[in-house]
Amino acid sequence: MSQPSPAPSEARLPRRILITDRPWPDCQIERDVLQSLDVDIVEAPNASEATLLDLAGDVDVIGTCWAPLTSTVIRAATRCRLICRFGIGLDNIDIAVASQLGILVTNTPDYCIEEVSNHTMALLLGWSRQVAGFDQQIKSGIYNLQAGRPMHRIAEKTLGLLGLGPIARAVASKAQALGMRVVAHTPSGNDYQTRCTMLPWDELLRISDVVSIHAPLNDATRLQFNADAFRKMKPTALLINTSRGGLVDHDALWSAICNEQIAGAALDVFDPEPPDMTHPLFSDSRVLTTPHAAFLSVESLRDLRTQTAIRMRDFLTGKQPANVANPEALANLR
């Protein structure tokens, strides 16, 4: 990939990288990867649109975790040629505007496959075996194995997957090892040699004992789990979400649980984040929650940060970075 030569005024300036937000304590890993280059790393004090607008004008690269990179922010970044997502999903970035302006967008799709697939299985097992509920009861002085709801053998259940990307395929393998039957629904119908039975959406909802979400958040999937979807599920079914909170209508979910249309939920992601903790969903024993922690491990964060910084370094040294999500922007590189 060849890049345009910088204007004379730009040539005298070090490259500038804006980090909009991060859930880790510092940017040392990123600095280490980029130390051979003449770059300034600018860390936003907060991720408000006003702050990002103030900082974006003179940066060449933007690295973002969860901060919304709106059309307004991207258009204000007049020098920017690359946006790197610290993560997998791209729903916080206006990719259409970035492409129009010749700004490449990258993500890191493989850094936490083990963590998220393991977390999904932990939620499935933890909810099914009532681990959290029994633990809370014992800590409050109640030792009674009859205090929970009836438990059933997992090996005889059907797991339905919405989406069959790398994380979902890892979940499928682990669930199959436990003896579960795994079915899936995707727009393409491709089973990726997983031995999963591919089903229409309504059929997957109808037969699944557990439904686990592994789809991106976009216009087609937003609030896909709504009142209509819950009416089609088994009254004994569990919903697991380790993908994006915006795929689930949480008010409809709460209504479905209260009306015993489904048995419960295990949620790692919400919309917004953090969610309204006064919502009764979060105090009900039928709902197991974790704080968007599925991706997290020492190793996954190291891989994420290193790989993202390498994409920045490659781009700034004239190479095409890995995992360009909008290759159409290559024709419009400014």
C-alpha atoms as a PDB file:
ATOM      1  CA  MET A   1       0.000   0.000   0.000  1.00  0.00           C
ATOM      2  CA  SER A   2       1.374   3.394  -0.927  1.00  0.00           C
ATOM      3  CA  GLN A   3       0.375   6.474   0.991  1.00  0.00           C
ATOM      4  CA  PRO A   4       0.144  10.058  -0.239  1.00  0.00           C
ATOM      5  CA  SER A   5       3.155  12.168   0.565  1.00  0.00           C
ATOM      6  CA  PRO A   6       2.495  14.504   3.456  1.00  0.00           C
ATOM      7  CA  ALA A   7       2.140  18.183   2.791  1.00  0.00           C
ATOM      8  CA  PRO A   8       5.312  20.189   3.524  1.00  0.00           C
ATOM      9  CA  SER A   9       3.842  21.498   6.773  1.00  0.00           C
ATOM     10  CA  GLU A  10       2.966  17.956   7.857  1.00  0.00           C
ATOM     11  CA  ALA A  11       6.400  16.564   6.978  1.00  0.00           C
ATOM     12  CA  ARG A  12       8.006  18.490   9.827  1.00  0.00           C
ATOM     13  CA  LEU A  13       5.555  17.173  12.400  1.00  0.00           C
ATOM     14  CA  PRO A  14       5.698  13.833  14.224  1.00  0.00           C
ATOM     15  CA  ARG A  15       2.811  11.530  13.538  1.00  0.00           C
ATOM     16  CA  ARG A  16       0.092  11.795  16.160  1.00  0.00           C
ATOM     17  CA  ILE A  17      -2.068   8.943  17.452  1.00  0.00           C
ATOM     18  CA  LEU A  18      -5.211   9.607  19.453  1.00  0.00           C
ATOM     19  CA  ILE A  19      -6.346   6.953  21.959  1.00  0.00           C
ATOM     20  CA  THR A  20      -9.972   7.777  22.702  1.00  0.00           C
ATOM     21  CA  ASP A  21     -10.532   5.413  25.635  1.00  0.00           C
ATOM     22  CA  ARG A  22      -9.102   2.279  27.249  1.00  0.00           C
ATOM     23  CA  PRO A  23     -10.031  -0.087  30.107  1.00  0.00           C
ATOM     24  CA  TRP A  24      -6.349  -0.727  30.937  1.00  0.00           C
ATOM     25  CA  PRO A  25      -4.181   1.479  33.160  1.00  0.00           C
ATOM     26  CA  ASP A  26      -1.713   2.919  30.625  1.00  0.00           C
ATOM     27  CA  CYS A  27      -0.512   2.845  27.020  1.00  0.00           C
ATOM     28  CA  GLN A  28       2.909   1.311  27.654  1.00  0.00           C
ATOM     29  CA  ILE A  29       2.409  -1.713  25.399  1.00  0.00           C
ATOM     30  CA  GLU A  30       1.347   0.568  22.551  1.00  0.00           C
ATOM     31  CA  ARG A  31       4.313   2.865  23.168  1.00  0.00           C
ATOM     32  CA  ASP A  32       6.701  -0.086  23.145  1.00  0.00           C
ATOM     33  CA  VAL A  33       5.435  -1.326  19.771  1.00  0.00           C
ATOM     34  CA  LEU A  34       5.612   2.188  18.281  1.00  0.00           C
ATOM     35  CA  GLN A  35       8.874   3.303  19.900  1.00  0.00           C
ATOM     36  CA  SER A  36      10.894   3.062  16.684  1.00  0.00           C
ATOM     37  CA  LEU A  37       8.689   5.707  15.042  1.00  0.00           C
ATOM     38  CA  ASP A  38       8.511   9.449  15.571  1.00  0.00           C
ATOM     39  CA  VAL A  39       4.981   9.474  17.018  1.00  0.00           C
ATOM     40  CA  ASP A  40       3.116  11.319  19.716  1.00  0.00           C
ATOM     41  CA  ILE A  41       0.428   9.315  21.536  1.00  0.00           C
ATOM     42  CA  VAL A  42      -2.360  11.557  22.775  1.00  0.00           C
ATOM     43  CA  GLU A  43      -4.772  10.107  25.342  1.00  0.00           C
ATOM     44  CA  ALA A  44      -8.224  11.657  25.550  1.00  0.00           C
ATOM     45  CA  PRO A  45      -9.168  12.565  29.151  1.00  0.00           C
ATOM     46  CA  ASN A  46     -12.723  11.400  28.395  1.00  0.00           C
ATOM     47  CA  ALA A  47     -14.642  10.036  25.433  1.00  0.00           C
ATOM     48  CA  SER A  48     -17.247  12.757  25.040  1.00  0.00           C
ATOM     49  CA  GLU A  49     -17.892  13.992  21.530  1.00  0.00           C
ATOM     50  CA  ALA A  50     -16.789  17.499  22.516  1.00  0.00           C
ATOM     51  CA  THR A  51     -13.425  16.215  23.765  1.00  0.00           C
ATOM     52  CA  LEU A  52     -12.839  14.048  20.705  1.00  0.00           C
ATOM     53  CA  LEU A  53     -13.734  16.926  18.399  1.00  0.00           C
ATOM     54  CA  ASP A  54     -11.197  19.078  20.193  1.00  0.00           C
ATOM     55  CA  LEU A  55      -8.423  16.477  19.825  1.00  0.00           C
ATOM     56  CA  ALA A  56      -9.138  14.863  16.452  1.00  0.00           C
ATOM     57  CA  GLY A  57      -8.151  17.644  14.093  1.00  0.00           C
ATOM     58  CA  ASP A  58      -4.395  17.016  13.965  1.00  0.00           C
ATOM     59  CA  VAL A  59      -4.076  13.253  14.407  1.00  0.00           C
ATOM     60  CA  ASP A  60      -3.033  10.719  11.787  1.00  0.00           C
ATOM     61  CA  VAL A  61      -4.409   7.605  13.512  1.00  0.00           C
ATOM     62  CA  ILE A  62      -7.235   7.039  15.992  1.00  0.00           C
ATOM     63  CA  GLY A  63      -7.317   4.039  18.318  1.00  0.00           C
ATOM     64  CA  THR A  64     -10.669   3.469  19.975  1.00  0.00           C
ATOM     65  CA  CYS A  65     -12.175   0.937  22.323  1.00  0.00           C
ATOM     66  CA  TRP A  66     -15.813   1.847  23.029  1.00  0.00           C
ATOM     67  CA  ALA A  67     -15.964   5.592  22.341  1.00  0.00           C
ATOM     68  CA  PRO A  68     -18.494   6.540  19.642  1.00  0.00           C
ATOM     69  CA  LEU A  69     -16.672   7.737  16.542  1.00  0.00           C
ATOM     70  CA  THR A  70     -19.562   9.569  14.964  1.00  0.00           C
ATOM     71  CA  SER A  71     -19.702  11.150  11.535  1.00  0.00           C
ATOM     72  CA  THR A  72     -19.021  14.509  13.165  1.00  0.00           C
ATOM     73  CA  VAL A  73     -15.879  13.285  14.928  1.00  0.00           C
ATOM     74  CA  ILE A  74     -14.539  11.473  11.863  1.00  0.00           C
ATOM     75  CA  ARG A  75     -15.097  14.471   9.590  1.00  0.00           C
ATOM     76  CA  ALA A  76     -13.259  16.654  12.114  1.00  0.00           C
ATOM     77  CA  ALA A  77     -10.216  14.362  11.923  1.00  0.00           C
ATOM     78  CA  THR A  78      -8.978  15.961   8.725  1.00  0.00           C
ATOM     79  CA  ARG A  79      -5.488  14.397   8.888  1.00  0.00           C
ATOM     80  CA  CYS A  80      -6.623  10.957   9.967  1.00  0.00           C
ATOM     81  CA  ARG A  81      -6.005   8.058   7.602  1.00  0.00           C
ATOM     82  CA  LEU A  82      -6.569   5.070   9.919  1.00  0.00           C
ATOM     83  CA  ILE A  83      -8.998   4.134  12.689  1.00  0.00           C
ATOM     84  CA  CYS A  84      -8.099   1.057  14.734  1.00  0.00           C
ATOM     85  CA  ARG A  85     -10.695  -0.618  16.933  1.00  0.00           C
ATOM     86  CA  PHE A  86      -9.336  -2.205  20.095  1.00  0.00           C
ATOM     87  CA  GLY A  87     -11.755  -5.118  19.757  1.00  0.00           C
ATOM     88  CA  ILE A  88     -13.984  -7.007  17.349  1.00  0.00           C
ATOM     89  CA  GLY A  89     -17.269  -5.150  16.855  1.00  0.00           C
ATOM     90  CA  LEU A  90     -17.345  -1.988  14.761  1.00  0.00           C
ATOM     91  CA  ASP A  91     -20.754  -0.622  15.716  1.00  0.00           C
ATOM     92  CA  ASN A  92     -19.239   2.392  17.487  1.00  0.00           C
ATOM     93  CA  ILE A  93     -17.562   3.628  14.275  1.00  0.00           C
ATOM     94  CA  ASP A  94     -19.339   5.299  11.339  1.00  0.00           C
ATOM     95  CA  ILE A  95     -17.624   3.125   8.756  1.00  0.00           C
ATOM     96  CA  ALA A  96     -19.581   4.573   5.825  1.00  0.00           C
ATOM     97  CA  VAL A  97     -18.212   8.062   6.478  1.00  0.00           C
ATOM     98  CA  ALA A  98     -14.717   6.726   7.102  1.00  0.00           C
ATOM     99  CA  SER A  99     -14.801   4.912   3.765  1.00  0.00           C
ATOM    100  CA  GLN A 100     -16.099   7.980   1.970  1.00  0.00           C
ATOM    101  CA  LEU A 101     -13.180   9.986   3.364  1.00  0.00           C
ATOM    102  CA  GLY A 102     -10.564   7.343   2.551  1.00  0.00           C
ATOM    103  CA  ILE A 103      -9.941   6.364   6.166  1.00  0.00           C
ATOM    104  CA  LEU A 104      -9.159   2.694   6.719  1.00  0.00           C
ATOM    105  CA  VAL A 105     -10.833   0.951   9.654  1.00  0.00           C
ATOM    106  CA  THR A 106      -9.350  -2.145  11.264  1.00  0.00           C
ATOM    107  CA  ASN A 107     -10.386  -4.453  14.079  1.00  0.00           C
ATOM    108  CA  THR A 108      -8.831  -7.399  15.936  1.00  0.00           C
ATOM    109  CA  PRO A 109     -11.189 -10.342  15.459  1.00  0.00           C
ATOM    110  CA  ASP A 110      -9.179 -13.183  16.983  1.00  0.00           C
ATOM    111  CA  TYR A 111      -7.682 -11.907  20.228  1.00  0.00           C
ATOM    112  CA  CYS A 112     -10.254 -13.308  22.674  1.00  0.00           C
ATOM    113  CA  ILE A 113     -11.818 -16.381  21.048  1.00  0.00           C
ATOM    114  CA  GLU A 114     -10.853 -18.609  23.971  1.00  0.00           C
ATOM    115  CA  GLU A 115     -11.951 -16.097  26.599  1.00  0.00           C
ATOM    116  CA  VAL A 116     -15.388 -15.329  25.172  1.00  0.00           C
ATOM    117  CA  SER A 117     -16.170 -18.940  24.271  1.00  0.00           C
ATOM    118  CA  ASN A 118     -15.093 -20.047  27.759  1.00  0.00           C
ATOM    119  CA  HIS A 119     -17.141 -17.261  29.347  1.00  0.00           C
ATOM    120  CA  THR A 120     -20.173 -18.312  27.323  1.00  0.00           C
ATOM    121  CA  MET A 121     -19.808 -21.861  28.587  1.00  0.00           C
ATOM    122  CA  ALA A 122     -19.231 -20.575  32.139  1.00  0.00           C
ATOM    123  CA  LEU A 123     -22.504 -18.639  31.946  1.00  0.00           C
ATOM    124  CA  LEU A 124     -24.301 -21.696  30.543  1.00  0.00           C
ATOM    125  CA  LEU A 125     -22.932 -23.997  33.236  1.00  0.00           C
ATOM    126  CA  GLY A 126     -23.159 -21.438  36.022  1.00  0.00           C
ATOM    127  CA  TRP A 127     -26.819 -20.680  35.314  1.00  0.00           C
ATOM    128  CA  SER A 128     -27.794 -24.299  34.645  1.00  0.00           C
ATOM    129  CA  ARG A 129     -26.027 -25.586  37.763  1.00  0.00           C
ATOM    130  CA  GLN A 130     -27.107 -22.536  39.831  1.00  0.00           C
ATOM    131  CA  VAL A 131     -23.546 -21.906  40.991  1.00  0.00           C
ATOM    132  CA  ALA A 132     -24.018 -18.201  41.766  1.00  0.00           C
ATOM    133  CA  GLY A 133     -27.366 -18.727  43.491  1.00  0.00           C
ATOM    134  CA  PHE A 134     -26.135 -21.510  45.749  1.00  0.00           C
ATOM    135  CA  ASP A 135     -23.011 -19.510  46.564  1.00  0.00           C
ATOM    136  CA  GLN A 136     -25.063 -16.457  47.562  1.00  0.00           C
ATOM    137  CA  GLN A 137     -27.355 -18.586  49.713  1.00  0.00           C
ATOM    138  CA  ILE A 138     -24.463 -20.225  51.547  1.00  0.00           C
ATOM    139  CA  LYS A 139     -22.841 -16.844  52.157  1.00  0.00           C
ATOM    140  CA  SER A 140     -26.118 -15.671  53.697  1.00  0.00           C
ATOM    141  CA  GLY A 141     -26.286 -18.716  55.980  1.00  0.00           C
ATOM    142  CA  ILE A 142     -28.607 -20.932  53.913  1.00  0.00           C
ATOM    143  CA  TYR A 143     -27.333 -24.461  53.199  1.00  0.00           C
ATOM    144  CA  ASN A 144     -30.166 -26.146  51.298  1.00  0.00           C
ATOM    145  CA  LEU A 145     -29.734 -27.995  48.011  1.00  0.00           C
ATOM    146  CA  GLN A 146     -33.515 -27.958  47.583  1.00  0.00           C
ATOM    147  CA  ALA A 147     -33.653 -24.167  47.583  1.00  0.00           C
ATOM    148  CA  GLY A 148     -32.947 -23.799  43.844  1.00  0.00           C
ATOM    149  CA  ARG A 149     -34.993 -24.596  40.780  1.00  0.00           C
ATOM    150  CA  PRO A 150     -34.950 -28.127  39.286  1.00  0.00           C
ATOM    151  CA  MET A 151     -31.750 -28.870  37.345  1.00  0.00           C
ATOM    152  CA  HIS A 152     -31.494 -30.953  34.188  1.00  0.00           C
ATOM    153  CA  ARG A 153     -28.694 -32.815  32.463  1.00  0.00           C
ATOM    154  CA  ILE A 154     -26.925 -30.521  30.001  1.00  0.00           C
ATOM    155  CA  ALA A 155     -25.895 -33.372  27.702  1.00  0.00           C
ATOM    156  CA  GLU A 156     -29.495 -33.867  26.638  1.00  0.00           C
ATOM    157  CA  LYS A 157     -30.108 -30.219  25.679  1.00  0.00           C
ATOM    158  CA  THR A 158     -29.990 -28.249  22.434  1.00  0.00           C
ATOM    159  CA  LEU A 159     -27.833 -25.155  22.137  1.00  0.00           C
ATOM    160  CA  GLY A 160     -28.876 -22.665  19.461  1.00  0.00           C
ATOM    161  CA  LEU A 161     -26.321 -20.173  18.179  1.00  0.00           C
ATOM    162  CA  LEU A 162     -27.180 -16.905  16.479  1.00  0.00           C
ATOM    163  CA  GLY A 163     -24.069 -16.382  14.377  1.00  0.00           C
ATOM    164  CA  LEU A 164     -21.282 -18.831  13.611  1.00  0.00           C
ATOM    165  CA  GLY A 165     -18.096 -16.786  13.600  1.00  0.00           C
ATOM    166  CA  PRO A 166     -14.856 -17.917  15.259  1.00  0.00           C
ATOM    167  CA  ILE A 167     -16.166 -17.451  18.808  1.00  0.00           C
ATOM    168  CA  ALA A 168     -19.441 -19.246  18.107  1.00  0.00           C
ATOM    169  CA  ARG A 169     -17.575 -22.095  16.434  1.00  0.00           C
ATOM    170  CA  ALA A 170     -15.402 -22.465  19.544  1.00  0.00           C
ATOM    171  CA  VAL A 171     -18.561 -22.496  21.685  1.00  0.00           C
ATOM    172  CA  ALA A 172     -20.057 -25.156  19.414  1.00  0.00           C
ATOM    173  CA  SER A 173     -17.016 -27.411  19.837  1.00  0.00           C
ATOM    174  CA  LYS A 174     -17.038 -27.061  23.619  1.00  0.00           C
ATOM    175  CA  ALA A 175     -20.776 -27.643  23.877  1.00  0.00           C
ATOM    176  CA  GLN A 176     -20.555 -30.698  21.632  1.00  0.00           C
ATOM    177  CA  ALA A 177     -17.825 -32.064  23.906  1.00  0.00           C
ATOM    178  CA  LEU A 178     -20.347 -31.855  26.758  1.00  0.00           C
ATOM    179  CA  GLY A 179     -22.833 -33.857  24.712  1.00  0.00           C
ATOM    180  CA  MET A 180     -25.080 -30.993  23.665  1.00  0.00           C
ATOM    181  CA  ARG A 181     -26.748 -30.891  20.283  1.00  0.00           C
ATOM    182  CA  VAL A 182     -25.760 -27.628  18.585  1.00  0.00           C
ATOM    183  CA  VAL A 183     -27.816 -25.824  15.961  1.00  0.00           C
ATOM    184  CA  ALA A 184     -27.201 -22.423  14.423  1.00  0.00           C
ATOM    185  CA  HIS A 185     -28.695 -19.662  12.314  1.00  0.00           C
ATOM    186  CA  THR A 186     -26.734 -17.339  10.029  1.00  0.00           C
ATOM    187  CA  PRO A 187     -27.685 -15.337   6.926  1.00  0.00           C
ATOM    188  CA  SER A 188     -25.335 -17.462   4.794  1.00  0.00           C
ATOM    189  CA  GLY A 189     -26.305 -20.857   6.187  1.00  0.00           C
ATOM    190  CA  ASN A 190     -22.623 -21.907   6.140  1.00  0.00           C
ATOM    191  CA  ASP A 191     -21.875 -24.467   8.875  1.00  0.00           C
ATOM    192  CA  TYR A 192     -18.059 -24.056   8.601  1.00  0.00           C
ATOM    193  CA  GLN A 193     -17.698 -27.832   9.052  1.00  0.00           C
ATOM    194  CA  THR A 194     -18.832 -27.570  12.684  1.00  0.00           C
ATOM    195  CA  ARG A 195     -21.404 -30.370  12.461  1.00  0.00           C
ATOM    196  CA  CYS A 196     -24.014 -27.804  13.528  1.00  0.00           C
ATOM    197  CA  THR A 197     -27.447 -28.159  12.001  1.00  0.00           C
ATOM    198  CA  MET A 198     -28.300 -24.900  10.244  1.00  0.00           C
ATOM    199  CA  LEU A 199     -31.863 -23.793  10.872  1.00  0.00           C
ATOM    200  CA  PRO A 200     -34.252 -20.974  10.014  1.00  0.00           C
ATOM    201  CA  TRP A 201     -34.496 -18.334  12.736  1.00  0.00           C
ATOM    202  CA  ASP A 202     -37.968 -19.259  14.007  1.00  0.00           C
ATOM    203  CA  GLU A 203     -37.087 -22.962  14.119  1.00  0.00           C
ATOM    204  CA  LEU A 204     -33.920 -22.289  16.128  1.00  0.00           C
ATOM    205  CA  LEU A 205     -35.929 -20.313  18.687  1.00  0.00           C
ATOM    206  CA  ARG A 206     -38.584 -23.023  18.872  1.00  0.00           C
ATOM    207  CA  ILE A 207     -36.336 -26.011  19.587  1.00  0.00           C
ATOM    208  CA  SER A 208     -33.385 -24.556  21.540  1.00  0.00           C
ATOM    209  CA  ASP A 209     -33.011 -25.113  25.270  1.00  0.00           C
ATOM    210  CA  VAL A 210     -30.255 -22.506  25.346  1.00  0.00           C
ATOM    211  CA  VAL A 211     -29.866 -19.662  22.840  1.00  0.00           C
ATOM    212  CA  SER A 212     -26.464 -17.959  22.721  1.00  0.00           C
ATOM    213  CA  ILE A 213     -25.887 -14.731  20.781  1.00  0.00           C
ATOM    214  CA  HIS A 214     -22.738 -14.350  18.665  1.00  0.00           C
ATOM    215  CA  ALA A 215     -23.794 -11.823  16.039  1.00  0.00           C
ATOM    216  CA  PRO A 216     -22.590  -8.305  15.242  1.00  0.00           C
ATOM    217  CA  LEU A 217     -24.761  -5.332  16.122  1.00  0.00           C
ATOM    218  CA  ASN A 218     -26.112  -3.694  12.987  1.00  0.00           C
ATOM    219  CA  ASP A 219     -29.421  -2.520  11.554  1.00  0.00           C
ATOM    220  CA  ALA A 220     -30.492  -6.104  10.812  1.00  0.00           C
ATOM    221  CA  THR A 221     -29.720  -7.486  14.285  1.00  0.00           C
ATOM    222  CA  ARG A 222     -30.554  -4.553  16.581  1.00  0.00           C
ATOM    223  CA  LEU A 223     -33.201  -5.685  19.114  1.00  0.00           C
ATOM    224  CA  GLN A 224     -33.499  -9.017  17.289  1.00  0.00           C
ATOM    225  CA  PHE A 225     -34.366 -10.545  20.643  1.00  0.00           C
ATOM    226  CA  ASN A 226     -37.650  -8.763  21.219  1.00  0.00           C
ATOM    227  CA  ALA A 227     -41.106  -9.676  22.512  1.00  0.00           C
ATOM    228  CA  ASP A 228     -41.882 -11.618  19.325  1.00  0.00           C
ATOM    229  CA  ALA A 229     -38.680 -13.668  19.588  1.00  0.00           C
ATOM    230  CA  PHE A 230     -39.269 -14.500  23.245  1.00  0.00           C
ATOM    231  CA  ARG A 231     -42.819 -15.703  22.488  1.00  0.00           C
ATOM    232  CA  LYS A 232     -41.281 -18.286  20.116  1.00  0.00           C
ATOM    233  CA  MET A 233     -38.820 -19.685  22.671  1.00  0.00           C
ATOM    234  CA  LYS A 234     -39.366 -22.538  25.091  1.00  0.00           C
ATOM    235  CA  PRO A 235     -40.619 -21.549  28.552  1.00  0.00           C
ATOM    236  CA  THR A 236     -37.637 -23.524  29.913  1.00  0.00           C
ATOM    237  CA  ALA A 237     -35.087 -21.779  27.660  1.00  0.00           C
ATOM    238  CA  LEU A 238     -32.047 -19.764  28.710  1.00  0.00           C
ATOM    239  CA  LEU A 239     -30.781 -16.745  26.748  1.00  0.00           C
ATOM    240  CA  ILE A 240     -27.020 -16.004  26.819  1.00  0.00           C
ATOM    241  CA  ASN A 241     -25.541 -12.783  25.451  1.00  0.00           C
ATOM    242  CA  THR A 242     -21.782 -12.204  25.223  1.00  0.00           C
ATOM    243  CA  SER A 243     -22.015 -10.215  21.979  1.00  0.00           C
ATOM    244  CA  ARG A 244     -23.623  -6.742  22.147  1.00  0.00           C
ATOM    245  CA  GLY A 245     -26.309  -5.437  24.479  1.00  0.00           C
ATOM    246  CA  GLY A 246     -28.168  -3.763  21.638  1.00  0.00           C
ATOM    247  CA  LEU A 247     -29.259  -7.104  20.209  1.00  0.00           C
ATOM    248  CA  VAL A 248     -31.635  -7.611  23.153  1.00  0.00           C
ATOM    249  CA  ASP A 249     -34.678  -5.594  24.182  1.00  0.00           C
ATOM    250  CA  HIS A 250     -34.075  -5.782  27.925  1.00  0.00           C
ATOM    251  CA  ASP A 251     -37.567  -4.604  28.867  1.00  0.00           C
ATOM    252  CA  ALA A 252     -39.054  -7.322  26.661  1.00  0.00           C
ATOM    253  CA  LEU A 253     -36.620  -9.815  28.188  1.00  0.00           C
ATOM    254  CA  TRP A 254     -37.713  -8.891  31.702  1.00  0.00           C
ATOM    255  CA  SER A 255     -41.370  -9.210  30.698  1.00  0.00           C
ATOM    256  CA  ALA A 256     -40.696 -12.633  29.130  1.00  0.00           C
ATOM    257  CA  ILE A 257     -38.999 -13.872  32.312  1.00  0.00           C
ATOM    258  CA  CYS A 258     -41.760 -12.518  34.554  1.00  0.00           C
ATOM    259  CA  ASN A 259     -44.431 -14.117  32.346  1.00  0.00           C
ATOM    260  CA  GLU A 260     -42.467 -17.412  32.228  1.00  0.00           C
ATOM    261  CA  GLN A 261     -42.130 -17.259  28.461  1.00  0.00           C
ATOM    262  CA  ILE A 262     -38.458 -18.133  29.020  1.00  0.00           C
ATOM    263  CA  ALA A 263     -36.704 -19.402  32.137  1.00  0.00           C
ATOM    264  CA  GLY A 264     -33.920 -16.858  32.472  1.00  0.00           C
ATOM    265  CA  ALA A 265     -30.903 -15.100  31.034  1.00  0.00           C
ATOM    266  CA  ALA A 266     -27.134 -14.896  31.438  1.00  0.00           C
ATOM    267  CA  LEU A 267     -25.835 -11.528  30.263  1.00  0.00           C
ATOM    268  CA  ASP A 268     -22.363 -10.075  29.887  1.00  0.00           C
ATOM    269  CA  VAL A 269     -23.229  -7.075  27.696  1.00  0.00           C
ATOM    270  CA  PHE A 270     -25.790  -4.290  27.967  1.00  0.00           C
ATOM    271  CA  ASP A 271     -27.022  -1.145  26.280  1.00  0.00           C
ATOM    272  CA  PRO A 272     -26.015   1.293  27.644  1.00  0.00           C
ATOM    273  CA  GLU A 273     -22.952   0.260  29.606  1.00  0.00           C
ATOM    274  CA  PRO A 274     -22.991   0.409  32.511  1.00  0.00           C
ATOM    275  CA  PRO A 275     -26.732  -0.332  32.564  1.00  0.00           C
ATOM    276  CA  ASP A 276     -29.362   1.068  34.903  1.00  0.00           C
ATOM    277  CA  MET A 277     -28.656  -1.089  37.927  1.00  0.00           C
ATOM    278  CA  THR A 278     -32.053  -0.257  39.438  1.00  0.00           C
ATOM    279  CA  HIS A 279     -33.740  -2.309  36.696  1.00  0.00           C
ATOM    280  CA  PRO A 280     -35.312  -5.385  38.353  1.00  0.00           C
ATOM    281  CA  LEU A 281     -33.558  -7.600  35.800  1.00  0.00           C
ATOM    282  CA  PHE A 282     -30.347  -7.244  37.797  1.00  0.00           C
ATOM    283  CA  SER A 283     -31.742  -8.347  41.146  1.00  0.00           C
ATOM    284  CA  ASP A 284     -33.642 -11.416  39.966  1.00  0.00           C
ATOM    285  CA  SER A 285     -32.236 -14.858  40.718  1.00  0.00           C
ATOM    286  CA  ARG A 286     -33.193 -16.067  37.241  1.00  0.00           C
ATOM    287  CA  VAL A 287     -30.710 -13.670  35.672  1.00  0.00           C
ATOM    288  CA  LEU A 288     -26.932 -14.166  35.871  1.00  0.00           C
ATOM    289  CA  THR A 289     -24.826 -11.110  35.005  1.00  0.00           C
ATOM    290  CA  THR A 290     -21.174 -10.179  34.507  1.00  0.00           C
ATOM    291  CA  PRO A 291     -19.784  -6.685  33.670  1.00  0.00           C
ATOM    292  CA  HIS A 292     -18.730  -7.058  30.001  1.00  0.00           C
ATOM    293  CA  ALA A 293     -15.920  -9.306  31.193  1.00  0.00           C
ATOM    294  CA  ALA A 294     -16.081 -12.121  28.627  1.00  0.00           C
ATOM    295  CA  PHE A 295     -13.143 -10.794  26.577  1.00  0.00           C
ATOM    296  CA  LEU A 296     -10.902 -10.233  29.565  1.00  0.00           C
ATOM    297  CA  SER A 297      -7.677 -11.978  30.496  1.00  0.00           C
ATOM    298  CA  VAL A 298      -4.102 -10.823  30.959  1.00  0.00           C
ATOM    299  CA  GLU A 299      -3.199 -12.645  27.767  1.00  0.00           C
ATOM    300  CA  SER A 300      -6.112 -11.405  25.665  1.00  0.00           C
ATOM    301  CA  LEU A 301      -5.475  -7.765  26.561  1.00  0.00           C
ATOM    302  CA  ARG A 302      -1.798  -8.144  25.760  1.00  0.00           C
ATOM    303  CA  ASP A 303      -2.633  -9.674  22.371  1.00  0.00           C
ATOM    304  CA  LEU A 304      -5.299  -7.054  21.624  1.00  0.00           C
ATOM    305  CA  ARG A 305      -3.082  -4.104  22.415  1.00  0.00           C
ATOM    306  CA  THR A 306      -0.030  -5.514  20.661  1.00  0.00           C
ATOM    307  CA  GLN A 307      -1.899  -6.464  17.486  1.00  0.00           C
ATOM    308  CA  THR A 308      -3.682  -3.108  17.307  1.00  0.00           C
ATOM    309  CA  ALA A 309      -0.444  -1.183  17.773  1.00  0.00           C
ATOM    310  CA  ILE A 310       1.186  -3.293  15.041  1.00  0.00           C
ATOM    311  CA  ARG A 311      -1.616  -2.260  12.675  1.00  0.00           C
ATOM    312  CA  MET A 312      -0.825   1.384  13.492  1.00  0.00           C
ATOM    313  CA  ARG A 313       2.913   0.836  12.996  1.00  0.00           C
ATOM    314  CA  ASP A 314       2.425  -0.987   9.715  1.00  0.00           C
ATOM    315  CA  PHE A 315       0.239   1.772   8.336  1.00  0.00           C
ATOM    316  CA  LEU A 316       2.601   4.549   9.399  1.00  0.00           C
ATOM    317  CA  THR A 317       5.513   2.748   7.722  1.00  0.00           C
ATOM    318  CA  GLY A 318       3.699   2.350   4.411  1.00  0.00           C
ATOM    319  CA  LYS A 319       2.296  -1.162   4.785  1.00  0.00           C
ATOM    320  CA  GLN A 320      -1.336  -2.175   4.541  1.00  0.00           C
ATOM    321  CA  PRO A 321      -2.511  -3.100   8.034  1.00  0.00           C
ATOM    322  CA  ALA A 322      -4.171  -6.416   8.760  1.00  0.00           C
ATOM    323  CA  ASN A 323      -7.935  -6.821   9.076  1.00  0.00           C
ATOM    324  CA  VAL A 324      -9.099  -3.824   7.072  1.00  0.00           C
ATOM    325  CA  ALA A 325     -12.865  -3.841   7.513  1.00  0.00           C
ATOM    326  CA  ASN A 326     -13.566  -1.357   4.717  1.00  0.00           C
ATOM    327  CA  PRO A 327     -11.291  -2.186   1.754  1.00  0.00           C
ATOM    328  CA  GLU A 328     -13.391   0.151  -0.387  1.00  0.00           C
ATOM    329  CA  ALA A 329     -11.662   3.019   1.432  1.00  0.00           C
ATOM    330  CA  LEU A 330      -8.366   2.081  -0.262  1.00  0.00           C
ATOM    331  CA  ALA A 331      -9.613   3.716  -3.455  1.00  0.00           C
ATOM    332  CA  ASN A 332     -10.278   6.953  -1.575  1.00  0.00           C
ATOM    333  CA  LEU A 333      -7.081   7.201   0.501  1.00  0.00           C
ATOM    334  CA  ARG A 334      -6.432  10.858   1.017  1.00  0.00           C
END
